[in-house]
Full PDB file with SEQRES, HELIX, SHEET, SSBOND, CRYST1, ORIGX, SCALE, CONECT and MASTER records, all heavy atoms in Angstrom:
SEQRES   1 A   41  LEU ASN ARG GLN GLN TYR LYS ALA SER GLN LEU GLY LEU          
SEQRES   2 A   41  LYS LYS ALA GLN ALA LEU LYS ASP ASN LEU LEU GLU ILE          
SEQRES   3 A   41  ASN PRO TYR LEU HIS ILE VAL ALA HIS SER ASP ARG ILE          
SEQRES   4 A   41  THR GLU                                                      
HELIX    1 AA1 ALA A    8  GLN A   10  5                                   3    
HELIX    2 AA2 LYS A   15  ILE A   26  1                                  12    
CRYST1    1.000    1.000    1.000  90.00  90.00  90.00 P 1           1          
ORIGX1      1.000000  0.000000  0.000000        0.00000                         
ORIGX2      0.000000  1.000000  0.000000        0.00000                         
ORIGX3      0.000000  0.000000  1.000000        0.00000                         
SCALE1      1.000000  0.000000  0.000000        0.00000                         
SCALE2      0.000000  1.000000  0.000000        0.00000                         
SCALE3      0.000000  0.000000  1.000000        0.00000                         
ATOM      1  N   LEU A   1     105.382 104.301 105.466  1.00  0.00           N  
ATOM      2  CA  LEU A   1     104.114 103.611 105.213  1.00  0.00           C  
ATOM      3  C   LEU A   1     103.164 103.613 106.399  1.00  0.00           C  
ATOM      4  O   LEU A   1     101.979 103.315 106.235  1.00  0.00           O  
ATOM      5  CB  LEU A   1     104.386 102.167 104.765  1.00  0.00           C  
ATOM      6  CG  LEU A   1     105.216 102.015 103.475  1.00  0.00           C  
ATOM      7  CD1 LEU A   1     105.370 100.545 103.125  1.00  0.00           C  
ATOM      8  CD2 LEU A   1     104.576 102.775 102.313  1.00  0.00           C  
ATOM      9  N   ASN A   2     103.643 103.983 107.592  1.00  0.00           N  
ATOM     10  CA  ASN A   2     102.745 103.971 108.747  1.00  0.00           C  
ATOM     11  C   ASN A   2     101.806 105.170 108.787  1.00  0.00           C  
ATOM     12  O   ASN A   2     100.863 105.209 109.571  1.00  0.00           O  
ATOM     13  CB  ASN A   2     103.544 103.911 110.064  1.00  0.00           C  
ATOM     14  CG  ASN A   2     104.136 105.249 110.466  1.00  0.00           C  
ATOM     15  OD1 ASN A   2     104.624 105.991 109.618  1.00  0.00           O  
ATOM     16  ND2 ASN A   2     104.115 105.556 111.741  1.00  0.00           N  
ATOM     17  N   ARG A   3     102.042 106.186 107.931  1.00  0.00           N  
ATOM     18  CA  ARG A   3     101.200 107.384 108.014  1.00  0.00           C  
ATOM     19  C   ARG A   3     101.056 108.126 106.684  1.00  0.00           C  
ATOM     20  O   ARG A   3     100.279 109.075 106.601  1.00  0.00           O  
ATOM     21  CB  ARG A   3     101.760 108.358 109.066  1.00  0.00           C  
ATOM     22  CG  ARG A   3     103.094 108.956 108.669  1.00  0.00           C  
ATOM     23  CD  ARG A   3     103.816 109.634 109.801  1.00  0.00           C  
ATOM     24  NE  ARG A   3     105.061 110.269 109.344  1.00  0.00           N  
ATOM     25  CZ  ARG A   3     106.192 109.607 109.109  1.00  0.00           C  
ATOM     26  NH1 ARG A   3     106.255 108.300 109.274  1.00  0.00           N  
ATOM     27  NH2 ARG A   3     107.267 110.264 108.710  1.00  0.00           N  
ATOM     28  N   GLN A   4     101.788 107.735 105.666  1.00  0.00           N  
ATOM     29  CA  GLN A   4     101.775 108.465 104.408  1.00  0.00           C  
ATOM     30  C   GLN A   4     101.018 107.680 103.341  1.00  0.00           C  
ATOM     31  O   GLN A   4     100.964 106.451 103.386  1.00  0.00           O  
ATOM     32  CB  GLN A   4     103.203 108.755 103.955  1.00  0.00           C  
ATOM     33  CG  GLN A   4     103.988 109.564 104.985  1.00  0.00           C  
ATOM     34  CD  GLN A   4     105.389 109.914 104.542  1.00  0.00           C  
ATOM     35  OE1 GLN A   4     105.722 109.841 103.358  1.00  0.00           O  
ATOM     36  NE2 GLN A   4     106.235 110.310 105.481  1.00  0.00           N  
ATOM     37  N   GLN A   5     100.466 108.393 102.376  1.00  0.00           N  
ATOM     38  CA  GLN A   5      99.574 107.790 101.385  1.00  0.00           C  
ATOM     39  C   GLN A   5     100.338 107.180 100.205  1.00  0.00           C  
ATOM     40  O   GLN A   5     100.154 107.559  99.050  1.00  0.00           O  
ATOM     41  CB  GLN A   5      98.558 108.822 100.901  1.00  0.00           C  
ATOM     42  CG  GLN A   5      97.556 109.237 101.959  1.00  0.00           C  
ATOM     43  CD  GLN A   5      96.626 108.106 102.356  1.00  0.00           C  
ATOM     44  OE1 GLN A   5      96.400 107.167 101.602  1.00  0.00           O  
ATOM     45  NE2 GLN A   5      96.064 108.196 103.551  1.00  0.00           N  
ATOM     46  N   TYR A   6     101.196 106.212 100.551  1.00  0.00           N  
ATOM     47  CA  TYR A   6     101.932 105.465  99.538  1.00  0.00           C  
ATOM     48  C   TYR A   6     101.723 103.978  99.771  1.00  0.00           C  
ATOM     49  O   TYR A   6     101.207 103.555 100.810  1.00  0.00           O  
ATOM     50  CB  TYR A   6     103.429 105.826  99.583  1.00  0.00           C  
ATOM     51  CG  TYR A   6     103.687 107.291  99.371  1.00  0.00           C  
ATOM     52  CD1 TYR A   6     103.984 108.127 100.451  1.00  0.00           C  
ATOM     53  CD2 TYR A   6     103.575 107.849  98.109  1.00  0.00           C  
ATOM     54  CE1 TYR A   6     104.188 109.482 100.269  1.00  0.00           C  
ATOM     55  CE2 TYR A   6     103.781 109.210  97.915  1.00  0.00           C  
ATOM     56  CZ  TYR A   6     104.076 110.027  98.989  1.00  0.00           C  
ATOM     57  OH  TYR A   6     104.254 111.361  98.800  1.00  0.00           O  
ATOM     58  N   LYS A   7     102.146 103.167  98.807  1.00  0.00           N  
ATOM     59  CA  LYS A   7     101.979 101.725  98.875  1.00  0.00           C  
ATOM     60  C   LYS A   7     103.342 101.051  98.971  1.00  0.00           C  
ATOM     61  O   LYS A   7     104.361 101.600  98.540  1.00  0.00           O  
ATOM     62  CB  LYS A   7     101.258 101.238  97.613  1.00  0.00           C  
ATOM     63  CG  LYS A   7      99.968 101.984  97.296  1.00  0.00           C  
ATOM     64  CD  LYS A   7      99.485 101.636  95.898  1.00  0.00           C  
ATOM     65  CE  LYS A   7      98.319 102.505  95.484  1.00  0.00           C  
ATOM     66  NZ  LYS A   7      97.894 102.235  94.087  1.00  0.00           N  
ATOM     67  N   ALA A   8     103.342  99.837  99.514  1.00  0.00           N  
ATOM     68  CA  ALA A   8     104.588  99.082  99.600  1.00  0.00           C  
ATOM     69  C   ALA A   8     105.203  98.873  98.222  1.00  0.00           C  
ATOM     70  O   ALA A   8     106.434  98.832  98.078  1.00  0.00           O  
ATOM     71  CB  ALA A   8     104.338  97.741 100.290  1.00  0.00           C  
ATOM     72  N   SER A   9     104.365  98.781  97.211  1.00  0.00           N  
ATOM     73  CA  SER A   9     104.864  98.587  95.847  1.00  0.00           C  
ATOM     74  C   SER A   9     105.564  99.823  95.291  1.00  0.00           C  
ATOM     75  O   SER A   9     106.209  99.755  94.241  1.00  0.00           O  
ATOM     76  CB  SER A   9     103.711  98.203  94.917  1.00  0.00           C  
ATOM     77  OG  SER A   9     102.741  99.233  94.878  1.00  0.00           O  
ATOM     78  N   GLN A  10     105.449 100.958  95.992  1.00  0.00           N  
ATOM     79  CA  GLN A  10     106.048 102.210  95.510  1.00  0.00           C  
ATOM     80  C   GLN A  10     107.355 102.554  96.216  1.00  0.00           C  
ATOM     81  O   GLN A  10     107.903 103.631  95.989  1.00  0.00           O  
ATOM     82  CB  GLN A  10     105.048 103.360  95.685  1.00  0.00           C  
ATOM     83  CG  GLN A  10     103.815 103.228  94.806  1.00  0.00           C  
ATOM     84  CD  GLN A  10     102.823 104.348  95.036  1.00  0.00           C  
ATOM     85  OE1 GLN A  10     102.488 104.676  96.177  1.00  0.00           O  
ATOM     86  NE2 GLN A  10     102.346 104.947  93.954  1.00  0.00           N  
ATOM     87  N   LEU A  11     107.859 101.669  97.045  1.00  0.00           N  
ATOM     88  CA  LEU A  11     109.117 101.945  97.741  1.00  0.00           C  
ATOM     89  C   LEU A  11     110.225 102.273  96.733  1.00  0.00           C  
ATOM     90  O   LEU A  11     110.399 101.584  95.732  1.00  0.00           O  
ATOM     91  CB  LEU A  11     109.525 100.746  98.593  1.00  0.00           C  
ATOM     92  CG  LEU A  11     108.632 100.411  99.788  1.00  0.00           C  
ATOM     93  CD1 LEU A  11     109.147  99.168 100.499  1.00  0.00           C  
ATOM     94  CD2 LEU A  11     108.540 101.587 100.744  1.00  0.00           C  
ATOM     95  N   GLY A  12     110.956 103.336  97.029  1.00  0.00           N  
ATOM     96  CA  GLY A  12     112.052 103.760  96.174  1.00  0.00           C  
ATOM     97  C   GLY A  12     111.665 104.761  95.099  1.00  0.00           C  
ATOM     98  O   GLY A  12     112.542 105.401  94.512  1.00  0.00           O  
ATOM     99  N   LEU A  13     110.374 104.907  94.843  1.00  0.00           N  
ATOM    100  CA  LEU A  13     109.936 105.872  93.834  1.00  0.00           C  
ATOM    101  C   LEU A  13     109.986 107.285  94.394  1.00  0.00           C  
ATOM    102  O   LEU A  13     109.869 107.501  95.598  1.00  0.00           O  
ATOM    103  CB  LEU A  13     108.515 105.561  93.373  1.00  0.00           C  
ATOM    104  CG  LEU A  13     108.275 104.201  92.711  1.00  0.00           C  
ATOM    105  CD1 LEU A  13     106.803 104.062  92.316  1.00  0.00           C  
ATOM    106  CD2 LEU A  13     109.166 104.015  91.496  1.00  0.00           C  
ATOM    107  N   LYS A  14     110.140 108.255  93.509  1.00  0.00           N  
ATOM    108  CA  LYS A  14     110.063 109.648  93.931  1.00  0.00           C  
ATOM    109  C   LYS A  14     108.647 109.941  94.416  1.00  0.00           C  
ATOM    110  O   LYS A  14     107.666 109.572  93.769  1.00  0.00           O  
ATOM    111  CB  LYS A  14     110.450 110.573  92.777  1.00  0.00           C  
ATOM    112  CG  LYS A  14     111.922 110.473  92.415  1.00  0.00           C  
ATOM    113  CD  LYS A  14     112.291 111.454  91.315  1.00  0.00           C  
ATOM    114  CE  LYS A  14     113.790 111.397  91.024  1.00  0.00           C  
ATOM    115  NZ  LYS A  14     114.180 112.341  89.953  1.00  0.00           N  
ATOM    116  N   LYS A  15     108.549 110.608  95.554  1.00  0.00           N  
ATOM    117  CA  LYS A  15     107.243 110.840  96.160  1.00  0.00           C  
ATOM    118  C   LYS A  15     106.310 111.640  95.255  1.00  0.00           C  
ATOM    119  O   LYS A  15     105.103 111.358  95.191  1.00  0.00           O  
ATOM    120  CB  LYS A  15     107.401 111.554  97.498  1.00  0.00           C  
ATOM    121  CG  LYS A  15     107.891 110.658  98.615  1.00  0.00           C  
ATOM    122  CD  LYS A  15     107.903 111.397  99.941  1.00  0.00           C  
ATOM    123  CE  LYS A  15     108.307 110.457 101.071  1.00  0.00           C  
ATOM    124  NZ  LYS A  15     108.328 111.143 102.379  1.00  0.00           N  
ATOM    125  N   ALA A  16     106.837 112.649  94.585  1.00  0.00           N  
ATOM    126  CA  ALA A  16     105.981 113.490  93.747  1.00  0.00           C  
ATOM    127  C   ALA A  16     105.296 112.671  92.659  1.00  0.00           C  
ATOM    128  O   ALA A  16     104.094 112.821  92.407  1.00  0.00           O  
ATOM    129  CB  ALA A  16     106.793 114.627  93.136  1.00  0.00           C  
ATOM    130  N   GLN A  17     106.037 111.790  92.013  1.00  0.00           N  
ATOM    131  CA  GLN A  17     105.461 110.980  90.946  1.00  0.00           C  
ATOM    132  C   GLN A  17     104.560 109.889  91.516  1.00  0.00           C  
ATOM    133  O   GLN A  17     103.491 109.595  90.968  1.00  0.00           O  
ATOM    134  CB  GLN A  17     106.559 110.346  90.097  1.00  0.00           C  
ATOM    135  CG  GLN A  17     106.038 109.586  88.885  1.00  0.00           C  
ATOM    136  CD  GLN A  17     105.211 110.448  87.958  1.00  0.00           C  
ATOM    137  OE1 GLN A  17     105.660 111.533  87.549  1.00  0.00           O  
ATOM    138  NE2 GLN A  17     104.006 110.008  87.608  1.00  0.00           N  
ATOM    139  N   ALA A  18     104.977 109.259  92.624  1.00  0.00           N  
ATOM    140  CA  ALA A  18     104.175 108.198  93.228  1.00  0.00           C  
ATOM    141  C   ALA A  18     102.822 108.736  93.691  1.00  0.00           C  
ATOM    142  O   ALA A  18     101.777 108.103  93.477  1.00  0.00           O  
ATOM    143  CB  ALA A  18     104.922 107.570  94.398  1.00  0.00           C  
ATOM    144  N   LEU A  19     102.826 109.913  94.325  1.00  0.00           N  
ATOM    145  CA  LEU A  19     101.572 110.495  94.785  1.00  0.00           C  
ATOM    146  C   LEU A  19     100.700 110.920  93.610  1.00  0.00           C  
ATOM    147  O   LEU A  19      99.476 110.752  93.636  1.00  0.00           O  
ATOM    148  CB  LEU A  19     101.846 111.681  95.709  1.00  0.00           C  
ATOM    149  CG  LEU A  19     100.618 112.301  96.372  1.00  0.00           C  
ATOM    150  CD1 LEU A  19      99.851 111.268  97.184  1.00  0.00           C  
ATOM    151  CD2 LEU A  19     101.020 113.478  97.250  1.00  0.00           C  
ATOM    152  N   LYS A  20     101.328 111.456  92.570  1.00  0.00           N  
ATOM    153  CA  LYS A  20     100.576 111.798  91.362  1.00  0.00           C  
ATOM    154  C   LYS A  20      99.843 110.575  90.830  1.00  0.00           C  
ATOM    155  O   LYS A  20      98.649 110.649  90.491  1.00  0.00           O  
ATOM    156  CB  LYS A  20     101.504 112.366  90.290  1.00  0.00           C  
ATOM    157  CG  LYS A  20     100.790 112.689  88.983  1.00  0.00           C  
ATOM    158  CD  LYS A  20     101.764 113.283  87.952  1.00  0.00           C  
ATOM    159  CE  LYS A  20     101.044 113.575  86.637  1.00  0.00           C  
ATOM    160  NZ  LYS A  20     101.954 114.198  85.635  1.00  0.00           N  
ATOM    161  N   ASP A  21     100.528 109.445  90.755  1.00  0.00           N  
ATOM    162  CA  ASP A  21      99.903 108.217  90.270  1.00  0.00           C  
ATOM    163  C   ASP A  21      98.721 107.814  91.142  1.00  0.00           C  
ATOM    164  O   ASP A  21      97.657 107.429  90.633  1.00  0.00           O  
ATOM    165  CB  ASP A  21     100.930 107.075  90.243  1.00  0.00           C  
ATOM    166  CG  ASP A  21     102.031 107.296  89.212  1.00  0.00           C  
ATOM    167  OD1 ASP A  21     101.838 108.110  88.293  1.00  0.00           O  
ATOM    168  OD2 ASP A  21     103.082 106.639  89.334  1.00  0.00           O  
ATOM    169  N   ASN A  22      98.882 107.921  92.460  1.00  0.00           N  
ATOM    170  CA  ASN A  22      97.809 107.545  93.373  1.00  0.00           C  
ATOM    171  C   ASN A  22      96.601 108.470  93.247  1.00  0.00           C  
ATOM    172  O   ASN A  22      95.452 108.029  93.298  1.00  0.00           O  
ATOM    173  CB  ASN A  22      98.314 107.542  94.817  1.00  0.00           C  
ATOM    174  CG  ASN A  22      99.344 106.451  95.061  1.00  0.00           C  
ATOM    175  OD1 ASN A  22      99.485 105.525  94.264  1.00  0.00           O  
ATOM    176  ND2 ASN A  22     100.078 106.564  96.156  1.00  0.00           N  
ATOM    177  N   LEU A  23      96.866 109.767  93.080  1.00  0.00           N  
ATOM    178  CA  LEU A  23      95.773 110.732  92.948  1.00  0.00           C  
ATOM    179  C   LEU A  23      94.994 110.524  91.652  1.00  0.00           C  
ATOM    180  O   LEU A  23      93.766 110.685  91.620  1.00  0.00           O  
ATOM    181  CB  LEU A  23      96.322 112.159  93.006  1.00  0.00           C  
ATOM    182  CG  LEU A  23      96.959 112.578  94.329  1.00  0.00           C  
ATOM    183  CD1 LEU A  23      97.542 113.972  94.200  1.00  0.00           C  
ATOM    184  CD2 LEU A  23      95.960 112.516  95.461  1.00  0.00           C  
ATOM    185  N   LEU A  24      95.701 110.172  90.593  1.00  0.00           N  
ATOM    186  CA  LEU A  24      95.016 109.952  89.310  1.00  0.00           C  
ATOM    187  C   LEU A  24      94.179 108.681  89.322  1.00  0.00           C  
ATOM    188  O   LEU A  24      93.266 108.530  88.505  1.00  0.00           O  
ATOM    189  CB  LEU A  24      96.037 109.924  88.174  1.00  0.00           C  
ATOM    190  CG  LEU A  24      96.693 111.272  87.868  1.00  0.00           C  
ATOM    191  CD1 LEU A  24      97.756 111.125  86.788  1.00  0.00           C  
ATOM    192  CD2 LEU A  24      95.647 112.308  87.432  1.00  0.00           C  
ATOM    193  N   GLU A  25      94.457 107.778  90.256  1.00  0.00           N  
ATOM    194  CA  GLU A  25      93.574 106.630  90.432  1.00  0.00           C  
ATOM    195  C   GLU A  25      92.260 107.056  91.079  1.00  0.00           C  
ATOM    196  O   GLU A  25      91.206 106.455  90.837  1.00  0.00           O  
ATOM    197  CB  GLU A  25      94.249 105.563  91.291  1.00  0.00           C  
ATOM    198  CG  GLU A  25      95.388 104.832  90.588  1.00  0.00           C  
ATOM    199  CD  GLU A  25      95.931 103.692  91.430  1.00  0.00           C  
ATOM    200  OE1 GLU A  25      95.163 103.143  92.256  1.00  0.00           O  
ATOM    201  OE2 GLU A  25      97.113 103.359  91.273  1.00  0.00           O  
ATOM    202  N   ILE A  26      92.322 108.090  91.906  1.00  0.00           N  
ATOM    203  CA  ILE A  26      91.123 108.622  92.557  1.00  0.00           C  
ATOM    204  C   ILE A  26      90.323 109.483  91.587  1.00  0.00           C  
ATOM    205  O   ILE A  26      89.106 109.349  91.475  1.00  0.00           O  
ATOM    206  CB  ILE A  26      91.514 109.443  93.796  1.00  0.00           C  
ATOM    207  CG1 ILE A  26      92.143 108.530  94.851  1.00  0.00           C  
ATOM    208  CG2 ILE A  26      90.324 110.198  94.367  1.00  0.00           C  
ATOM    209  CD1 ILE A  26      92.771 109.269  96.008  1.00  0.00           C  
ATOM    210  N   ASN A  27      91.012 110.380  90.903  1.00  0.00           N  
ATOM    211  CA  ASN A  27      90.358 111.275  89.942  1.00  0.00           C  
ATOM    212  C   ASN A  27      91.266 111.420  88.724  1.00  0.00           C  
ATOM    213  O   ASN A  27      92.220 112.199  88.743  1.00  0.00           O  
ATOM    214  CB  ASN A  27      90.096 112.646  90.572  1.00  0.00           C  
ATOM    215  CG  ASN A  27      89.328 113.571  89.644  1.00  0.00           C  
ATOM    216  OD1 ASN A  27      89.223 113.324  88.444  1.00  0.00           O  
ATOM    217  ND2 ASN A  27      88.779 114.645  90.194  1.00  0.00           N  
ATOM    218  N   PRO A  28      90.994 110.661  87.674  1.00  0.00           N  
ATOM    219  CA  PRO A  28      91.884 110.665  86.504  1.00  0.00           C  
ATOM    220  C   PRO A  28      91.867 111.961  85.711  1.00  0.00           C  
ATOM    221  O   PRO A  28      92.655 112.115  84.779  1.00  0.00           O  
ATOM    222  CB  PRO A  28      91.348 109.503  85.665  1.00  0.00           C  
ATOM    223  CG  PRO A  28      89.931 109.343  86.082  1.00  0.00           C  
ATOM    224  CD  PRO A  28      89.883 109.705  87.539  1.00  0.00           C  
ATOM    225  N   TYR A  29      91.006 112.904  86.086  1.00  0.00           N  
ATOM    226  CA  TYR A  29      90.887 114.137  85.306  1.00  0.00           C  
ATOM    227  C   TYR A  29      91.487 115.342  86.032  1.00  0.00           C  
ATOM    228  O   TYR A  29      91.333 116.475  85.579  1.00  0.00           O  
ATOM    229  CB  TYR A  29      89.422 114.383  84.967  1.00  0.00           C  
ATOM    230  CG  TYR A  29      88.825 113.178  84.281  1.00  0.00           C  
ATOM    231  CD1 TYR A  29      87.936 112.342  84.950  1.00  0.00           C  
ATOM    232  CD2 TYR A  29      89.199 112.826  82.976  1.00  0.00           C  
ATOM    233  CE1 TYR A  29      87.412 111.212  84.331  1.00  0.00           C  
ATOM    234  CE2 TYR A  29      88.687 111.692  82.358  1.00  0.00           C  
ATOM    235  CZ  TYR A  29      87.796 110.885  83.042  1.00  0.00           C  
ATOM    236  OH  TYR A  29      87.293 109.761  82.429  1.00  0.00           O  
ATOM    237  N   LEU A  30      92.186 115.090  87.127  1.00  0.00           N  
ATOM    238  CA  LEU A  30      92.907 116.163  87.794  1.00  0.00           C  
ATOM    239  C   LEU A  30      94.062 116.654  86.931  1.00  0.00           C  
ATOM    240  O   LEU A  30      94.654 115.880  86.175  1.00  0.00           O  
ATOM    241  CB  LEU A  30      93.497 115.665  89.116  1.00  0.00           C  
ATOM    242  CG  LEU A  30      92.567 115.436  90.299  1.00  0.00           C  
ATOM    243  CD1 LEU A  30      93.343 114.792  91.436  1.00  0.00           C  
ATOM    244  CD2 LEU A  30      91.961 116.743  90.766  1.00  0.00           C  
ATOM    245  N   HIS A  31      94.398 117.910  87.082  1.00  0.00           N  
ATOM    246  CA  HIS A  31      95.631 118.437  86.492  1.00  0.00           C  
ATOM    247  C   HIS A  31      96.661 118.473  87.605  1.00  0.00           C  
ATOM    248  O   HIS A  31      96.494 119.200  88.594  1.00  0.00           O  
ATOM    249  CB  HIS A  31      95.411 119.832  85.914  1.00  0.00           C  
ATOM    250  CG  HIS A  31      96.647 120.415  85.306  1.00  0.00           C  
ATOM    251  ND1 HIS A  31      97.013 121.721  85.477  1.00  0.00           N  
ATOM    252  CD2 HIS A  31      97.617 119.849  84.554  1.00  0.00           C  
ATOM    253  CE1 HIS A  31      98.157 121.952  84.847  1.00  0.00           C  
ATOM    254  NE2 HIS A  31      98.533 120.829  84.277  1.00  0.00           N  
ATOM    255  N   ILE A  32      97.695 117.675  87.482  1.00  0.00           N  
ATOM    256  CA  ILE A  32      98.707 117.573  88.532  1.00  0.00           C  
ATOM    257  C   ILE A  32     100.077 117.932  87.961  1.00  0.00           C  
ATOM    258  O   ILE A  32     100.499 117.386  86.941  1.00  0.00           O  
ATOM    259  CB  ILE A  32      98.755 116.155  89.122  1.00  0.00           C  
ATOM    260  CG1 ILE A  32      97.390 115.787  89.729  1.00  0.00           C  
ATOM    261  CG2 ILE A  32      99.850 116.053  90.183  1.00  0.00           C  
ATOM    262  CD1 ILE A  32      97.323 114.382  90.270  1.00  0.00           C  
ATOM    263  N   VAL A  33     100.746 118.856  88.640  1.00  0.00           N  
ATOM    264  CA  VAL A  33     102.119 119.218  88.307  1.00  0.00           C  
ATOM    265  C   VAL A  33     103.003 118.666  89.409  1.00  0.00           C  
ATOM    266  O   VAL A  33     102.853 119.039  90.581  1.00  0.00           O  
ATOM    267  CB  VAL A  33     102.272 120.748  88.200  1.00  0.00           C  
ATOM    268  CG1 VAL A  33     103.709 121.101  87.840  1.00  0.00           C  
ATOM    269  CG2 VAL A  33     101.297 121.325  87.182  1.00  0.00           C  
ATOM    270  N   ALA A  34     103.899 117.754  89.066  1.00  0.00           N  
ATOM    271  CA  ALA A  34     104.747 117.098  90.062  1.00  0.00           C  
ATOM    272  C   ALA A  34     106.190 117.571  89.918  1.00  0.00           C  
ATOM    273  O   ALA A  34     106.787 117.447  88.844  1.00  0.00           O  
ATOM    274  CB  ALA A  34     104.664 115.583  89.908  1.00  0.00           C  
ATOM    275  N   HIS A  35     106.744 118.101  91.012  1.00  0.00           N  
ATOM    276  CA  HIS A  35     108.131 118.569  91.026  1.00  0.00           C  
ATOM    277  C   HIS A  35     108.931 117.745  92.033  1.00  0.00           C  
ATOM    278  O   HIS A  35     108.633 117.773  93.231  1.00  0.00           O  
ATOM    279  CB  HIS A  35     108.218 120.037  91.440  1.00  0.00           C  
ATOM    280  CG  HIS A  35     107.578 120.991  90.491  1.00  0.00           C  
ATOM    281  ND1 HIS A  35     108.057 121.209  89.213  1.00  0.00           N  
ATOM    282  CD2 HIS A  35     106.481 121.800  90.640  1.00  0.00           C  
ATOM    283  CE1 HIS A  35     107.295 122.119  88.619  1.00  0.00           C  
ATOM    284  NE2 HIS A  35     106.343 122.484  89.458  1.00  0.00           N  
ATOM    285  N   SER A  36     109.939 117.038  91.576  1.00  0.00           N  
ATOM    286  CA  SER A  36     110.837 116.295  92.473  1.00  0.00           C  
ATOM    287  C   SER A  36     112.048 117.171  92.788  1.00  0.00           C  
ATOM    288  O   SER A  36     113.190 116.855  92.446  1.00  0.00           O  
ATOM    289  CB  SER A  36     111.258 114.976  91.830  1.00  0.00           C  
ATOM    290  OG  SER A  36     110.147 114.131  91.641  1.00  0.00           O  
ATOM    291  N   ASP A  37     111.782 118.284  93.444  1.00  0.00           N  
ATOM    292  CA  ASP A  37     112.813 119.278  93.730  1.00  0.00           C  
ATOM    293  C   ASP A  37     112.807 119.634  95.205  1.00  0.00           C  
ATOM    294  O   ASP A  37     111.762 119.580  95.870  1.00  0.00           O  
ATOM    295  CB  ASP A  37     112.563 120.559  92.921  1.00  0.00           C  
ATOM    296  CG  ASP A  37     112.639 120.347  91.431  1.00  0.00           C  
ATOM    297  OD1 ASP A  37     113.756 120.206  90.923  1.00  0.00           O  
ATOM    298  OD2 ASP A  37     111.572 120.307  90.779  1.00  0.00           O  
ATOM    299  N   ARG A  38     113.957 120.044  95.714  1.00  0.00           N  
ATOM    300  CA  ARG A  38     114.045 120.606  97.064  1.00  0.00           C  
ATOM    301  C   ARG A  38     113.684 122.082  96.984  1.00  0.00           C  
ATOM    302  O   ARG A  38     114.280 122.843  96.207  1.00  0.00           O  
ATOM    303  CB  ARG A  38     115.457 120.441  97.627  1.00  0.00           C  
ATOM    304  CG  ARG A  38     115.580 120.869  99.087  1.00  0.00           C  
ATOM    305  CD  ARG A  38     117.034 120.840  99.538  1.00  0.00           C  
ATOM    306  NE  ARG A  38     117.564 119.498  99.554  1.00  0.00           N  
ATOM    307  CZ  ARG A  38     117.487 118.677 100.604  1.00  0.00           C  
ATOM    308  NH1 ARG A  38     116.887 119.075 101.706  1.00  0.00           N  
ATOM    309  NH2 ARG A  38     118.015 117.461 100.536  1.00  0.00           N  
ATOM    310  N   ILE A  39     112.742 122.505  97.780  1.00  0.00           N  
ATOM    311  CA  ILE A  39     112.287 123.889  97.737  1.00  0.00           C  
ATOM    312  C   ILE A  39     113.295 124.799  98.425  1.00  0.00           C  
ATOM    313  O   ILE A  39     113.767 124.512  99.527  1.00  0.00           O  
ATOM    314  CB  ILE A  39     110.911 124.022  98.419  1.00  0.00           C  
ATOM    315  CG1 ILE A  39     109.851 123.236  97.641  1.00  0.00           C  
ATOM    316  CG2 ILE A  39     110.500 125.486  98.531  1.00  0.00           C  
ATOM    317  CD1 ILE A  39     108.508 123.209  98.315  1.00  0.00           C  
ATOM    318  N   THR A  40     113.606 125.897  97.760  1.00  0.00           N  
ATOM    319  CA  THR A  40     114.452 126.930  98.331  1.00  0.00           C  
ATOM    320  C   THR A  40     113.743 128.270  98.183  1.00  0.00           C  
ATOM    321  O   THR A  40     112.747 128.387  97.455  1.00  0.00           O  
ATOM    322  CB  THR A  40     115.813 127.002  97.616  1.00  0.00           C  
ATOM    323  OG1 THR A  40     115.596 127.437  96.248  1.00  0.00           O  
ATOM    324  CG2 THR A  40     116.504 125.642  97.609  1.00  0.00           C  
ATOM    325  N   GLU A  41     114.267 129.263  98.844  1.00  0.00           N  
ATOM    326  CA  GLU A  41     113.691 130.591  98.706  1.00  0.00           C  
ATOM    327  C   GLU A  41     113.797 131.081  97.265  1.00  0.00           C  
ATOM    328  O   GLU A  41     112.931 131.814  96.777  1.00  0.00           O  
ATOM    329  CB  GLU A  41     114.396 131.566  99.651  1.00  0.00           C  
ATOM    330  CG  GLU A  41     113.741 132.934  99.732  1.00  0.00           C  
ATOM    331  CD  GLU A  41     114.366 133.804 100.794  1.00  0.00           C  
ATOM    332  OE1 GLU A  41     115.227 133.327 101.552  1.00  0.00           O  
ATOM    333  OE2 GLU A  41     113.978 134.999 100.867  1.00  0.00           O  
TER     334      GLU A  41                                                      
MASTER        0    0    0    2    0    0    0    6  333    1    0    4          
END                                                                             
């Protein structure tokens, strides 16, 4: 919370979904694809 764009109320949530929710508050008409996956080659 000291540097990332999340809220105290979102503790424990998956970052991809939490950030998606925050972005849709800014612009509800964005197309957002959220993946809660570890990236590999």
